[in-house]
Amino acid sequence: DAKLIAAAGAWCGLADLPWIIFWSAVFGLLVALAGAVRSGRLSARAQIPFGPCIAAAFWVGWLLPGLPAWLTMLLGG
């Protein structure tokens, strides 16, 4: 996971890296929620691979490089 985040920072730039980490966490939460809905229970001991979530956020950050600046402007930052 650390190497994938380092690759994301090298590829997309350091300015996009906090957004990539944020969106990977959001994707991870969505995966956990989908798993809980599917199985009918939510467990704190459920293990979810984080690499695919990082890869998805990395891919979105690479395809839409202006998205972090647009979101910052939209949120009033």
N, C-alpha and C. Protein backbone atom coordinates (compact mmCIF):
# COMPACT_ATOMS: atom_id res chain seq x y z
N ASP A 1 0.81 -1.19 0.00
CA ASP A 1 0.00 0.00 0.00
C ASP A 1 0.86 1.27 0.00
N ALA A 2 1.94 1.24 0.76
CA ALA A 2 2.82 2.41 0.82
C ALA A 2 3.49 2.66 -0.53
N LYS A 3 3.87 1.60 -1.21
CA LYS A 3 4.50 1.77 -2.53
C LYS A 3 3.49 2.28 -3.55
N LEU A 4 2.27 1.84 -3.45
CA LEU A 4 1.23 2.32 -4.37
C LEU A 4 0.93 3.79 -4.14
N ILE A 5 0.89 4.21 -2.88
CA ILE A 5 0.68 5.63 -2.58
C ILE A 5 1.88 6.46 -3.04
N ALA A 6 3.08 5.92 -2.89
CA ALA A 6 4.27 6.62 -3.39
C ALA A 6 4.22 6.75 -4.91
N ALA A 7 3.77 5.71 -5.60
CA ALA A 7 3.63 5.78 -7.05
C ALA A 7 2.58 6.81 -7.44
N ALA A 8 1.50 6.87 -6.69
CA ALA A 8 0.45 7.86 -6.97
C ALA A 8 0.99 9.27 -6.79
N GLY A 9 1.79 9.49 -5.75
CA GLY A 9 2.38 10.80 -5.54
C GLY A 9 3.37 11.17 -6.62
N ALA A 10 4.14 10.19 -7.09
CA ALA A 10 5.11 10.46 -8.14
C ALA A 10 4.41 10.70 -9.48
N TRP A 11 3.33 9.98 -9.72
CA TRP A 11 2.65 10.05 -11.01
C TRP A 11 1.74 11.27 -11.10
N CYS A 12 0.93 11.49 -10.09
CA CYS A 12 -0.06 12.57 -10.13
C CYS A 12 0.44 13.87 -9.53
N GLY A 13 1.47 13.81 -8.72
CA GLY A 13 2.00 15.00 -8.08
C GLY A 13 1.62 15.07 -6.62
N LEU A 14 2.42 15.78 -5.86
CA LEU A 14 2.19 15.86 -4.42
C LEU A 14 0.93 16.64 -4.06
N ALA A 15 0.51 17.54 -4.93
CA ALA A 15 -0.70 18.32 -4.63
C ALA A 15 -1.94 17.45 -4.66
N ASP A 16 -1.96 16.41 -5.48
CA ASP A 16 -3.13 15.53 -5.58
C ASP A 16 -3.09 14.40 -4.57
N LEU A 17 -1.97 14.17 -3.92
CA LEU A 17 -1.82 13.03 -3.03
C LEU A 17 -2.79 13.04 -1.85
N PRO A 18 -3.02 14.15 -1.15
CA PRO A 18 -4.02 14.12 -0.07
C PRO A 18 -5.41 13.75 -0.56
N TRP A 19 -5.77 14.21 -1.76
CA TRP A 19 -7.07 13.86 -2.31
C TRP A 19 -7.14 12.39 -2.67
N ILE A 20 -6.06 11.83 -3.18
CA ILE A 20 -6.03 10.41 -3.51
C ILE A 20 -6.19 9.58 -2.24
N ILE A 21 -5.53 9.97 -1.18
CA ILE A 21 -5.66 9.24 0.09
C ILE A 21 -7.08 9.39 0.63
N PHE A 22 -7.64 10.59 0.54
CA PHE A 22 -9.02 10.80 1.00
C PHE A 22 -10.00 9.93 0.23
N TRP A 23 -9.91 9.94 -1.10
CA TRP A 23 -10.85 9.17 -1.91
C TRP A 23 -10.64 7.68 -1.76
N SER A 24 -9.40 7.25 -1.51
CA SER A 24 -9.20 5.82 -1.26
C SER A 24 -9.88 5.41 0.05
N ALA A 25 -9.87 6.27 1.05
CA ALA A 25 -10.58 5.98 2.29
C ALA A 25 -12.08 5.95 2.06
N VAL A 26 -12.59 6.87 1.25
CA VAL A 26 -14.02 6.87 0.93
C VAL A 26 -14.40 5.59 0.19
N PHE A 27 -13.58 5.19 -0.78
CA PHE A 27 -13.86 3.95 -1.50
C PHE A 27 -13.81 2.75 -0.56
N GLY A 28 -12.87 2.75 0.38
CA GLY A 28 -12.79 1.67 1.36
C GLY A 28 -14.03 1.59 2.23
N LEU A 29 -14.52 2.74 2.65
CA LEU A 29 -15.76 2.76 3.44
C LEU A 29 -16.95 2.27 2.63
N LEU A 30 -17.00 2.62 1.36
CA LEU A 30 -18.08 2.14 0.51
C LEU A 30 -18.01 0.63 0.32
N VAL A 31 -16.81 0.10 0.17
CA VAL A 31 -16.64 -1.35 0.05
C VAL A 31 -17.07 -2.04 1.34
N ALA A 32 -16.70 -1.48 2.48
CA ALA A 32 -17.11 -2.06 3.77
C ALA A 32 -18.62 -2.01 3.94
N LEU A 33 -19.23 -0.91 3.56
CA LEU A 33 -20.68 -0.78 3.66
C LEU A 33 -21.38 -1.76 2.73
N ALA A 34 -20.87 -1.90 1.51
CA ALA A 34 -21.47 -2.85 0.57
C ALA A 34 -21.34 -4.28 1.10
N GLY A 35 -20.21 -4.61 1.69
CA GLY A 35 -20.04 -5.94 2.27
C GLY A 35 -20.97 -6.18 3.45
N ALA A 36 -21.18 -5.14 4.24
CA ALA A 36 -22.10 -5.27 5.38
C ALA A 36 -23.53 -5.43 4.92
N VAL A 37 -23.92 -4.72 3.88
CA VAL A 37 -25.29 -4.85 3.36
C VAL A 37 -25.48 -6.23 2.74
N ARG A 38 -24.46 -6.68 2.03
CA ARG A 38 -24.57 -7.97 1.37
C ARG A 38 -24.64 -9.14 2.35
N SER A 39 -23.83 -9.08 3.40
CA SER A 39 -23.81 -10.19 4.36
C SER A 39 -24.86 -10.04 5.45
N GLY A 40 -25.40 -8.84 5.61
CA GLY A 40 -26.42 -8.62 6.61
C GLY A 40 -25.88 -8.31 7.99
N ARG A 41 -24.56 -8.17 8.12
CA ARG A 41 -23.98 -7.84 9.43
C ARG A 41 -22.74 -6.98 9.22
N LEU A 42 -22.43 -6.21 10.22
CA LEU A 42 -21.26 -5.33 10.19
C LEU A 42 -20.34 -5.76 11.33
N SER A 43 -19.11 -6.06 11.00
CA SER A 43 -18.16 -6.54 11.99
C SER A 43 -16.92 -5.65 11.99
N ALA A 44 -16.44 -5.34 13.17
CA ALA A 44 -15.22 -4.55 13.28
C ALA A 44 -13.99 -5.37 12.93
N ARG A 45 -14.12 -6.67 12.89
CA ARG A 45 -13.00 -7.56 12.57
C ARG A 45 -12.91 -7.93 11.10
N ALA A 46 -13.81 -7.42 10.28
CA ALA A 46 -13.78 -7.71 8.85
C ALA A 46 -12.54 -7.08 8.23
N GLN A 47 -11.84 -7.86 7.44
CA GLN A 47 -10.63 -7.36 6.79
C GLN A 47 -10.93 -7.07 5.33
N ILE A 48 -10.57 -5.87 4.92
CA ILE A 48 -10.82 -5.42 3.56
C ILE A 48 -9.47 -5.02 2.95
N PRO A 49 -9.13 -5.55 1.78
CA PRO A 49 -7.88 -5.12 1.14
C PRO A 49 -7.98 -3.64 0.73
N PHE A 50 -6.97 -2.87 1.10
CA PHE A 50 -7.00 -1.43 0.85
C PHE A 50 -6.35 -1.08 -0.49
N GLY A 51 -5.55 -1.97 -1.04
CA GLY A 51 -4.87 -1.72 -2.31
C GLY A 51 -5.80 -1.40 -3.46
N PRO A 52 -6.89 -2.17 -3.66
CA PRO A 52 -7.80 -1.82 -4.75
C PRO A 52 -8.46 -0.45 -4.57
N CYS A 53 -8.69 -0.05 -3.34
CA CYS A 53 -9.29 1.27 -3.08
C CYS A 53 -8.29 2.37 -3.43
N ILE A 54 -7.03 2.15 -3.09
CA ILE A 54 -5.99 3.12 -3.46
C ILE A 54 -5.86 3.18 -4.97
N ALA A 55 -5.87 2.03 -5.62
CA ALA A 55 -5.74 1.98 -7.08
C ALA A 55 -6.90 2.70 -7.76
N ALA A 56 -8.11 2.54 -7.24
CA ALA A 56 -9.27 3.22 -7.83
C ALA A 56 -9.14 4.74 -7.68
N ALA A 57 -8.72 5.18 -6.50
CA ALA A 57 -8.55 6.63 -6.28
C ALA A 57 -7.40 7.18 -7.12
N PHE A 58 -6.34 6.40 -7.25
CA PHE A 58 -5.19 6.77 -8.09
C PHE A 58 -5.66 6.93 -9.54
N TRP A 59 -6.46 6.00 -10.01
CA TRP A 59 -6.95 6.03 -11.38
C TRP A 59 -7.82 7.26 -11.61
N VAL A 60 -8.72 7.55 -10.68
CA VAL A 60 -9.57 8.74 -10.80
C VAL A 60 -8.72 10.01 -10.76
N GLY A 61 -7.73 10.05 -9.86
CA GLY A 61 -6.85 11.21 -9.79
C GLY A 61 -6.01 11.40 -11.04
N TRP A 62 -5.67 10.30 -11.69
CA TRP A 62 -4.88 10.39 -12.92
C TRP A 62 -5.74 10.82 -14.10
N LEU A 63 -6.97 10.31 -14.15
CA LEU A 63 -7.86 10.66 -15.26
C LEU A 63 -8.41 12.08 -15.16
N LEU A 64 -8.63 12.55 -13.93
CA LEU A 64 -9.21 13.87 -13.71
C LEU A 64 -8.26 14.72 -12.87
N PRO A 65 -7.17 15.20 -13.47
CA PRO A 65 -6.16 15.90 -12.67
C PRO A 65 -6.64 17.22 -12.08
N GLY A 66 -7.63 17.85 -12.64
CA GLY A 66 -8.12 19.12 -12.10
C GLY A 66 -9.18 18.96 -11.03
N LEU A 67 -9.58 17.75 -10.74
CA LEU A 67 -10.65 17.52 -9.78
C LEU A 67 -10.34 18.05 -8.37
N PRO A 68 -9.14 17.84 -7.82
CA PRO A 68 -8.88 18.38 -6.47
C PRO A 68 -9.00 19.89 -6.40
N ALA A 69 -8.49 20.60 -7.39
CA ALA A 69 -8.59 22.06 -7.39
C ALA A 69 -10.04 22.50 -7.52
N TRP A 70 -10.81 21.79 -8.34
CA TRP A 70 -12.21 22.11 -8.51
C TRP A 70 -12.99 21.86 -7.23
N LEU A 71 -12.70 20.77 -6.56
CA LEU A 71 -13.39 20.47 -5.29
C LEU A 71 -13.02 21.48 -4.21
N THR A 72 -11.75 21.89 -4.17
CA THR A 72 -11.32 22.88 -3.20
C THR A 72 -12.04 24.20 -3.42
N MET A 73 -12.16 24.59 -4.69
CA MET A 73 -12.86 25.82 -5.02
C MET A 73 -14.36 25.70 -4.69
N LEU A 74 -14.92 24.54 -4.96
CA LEU A 74 -16.33 24.31 -4.67
C LEU A 74 -16.63 24.35 -3.18
N LEU A 75 -15.70 23.82 -2.37
CA LEU A 75 -15.89 23.78 -0.93
C LEU A 75 -15.49 25.08 -0.23
N GLY A 76 -15.01 26.04 -1.01
CA GLY A 76 -14.72 27.35 -0.46
C GLY A 76 -13.31 27.48 0.12
N GLY A 77 -12.38 26.67 -0.34
CA GLY A 77 -11.02 26.71 0.20
C GLY A 77 -10.13 27.49 -0.59
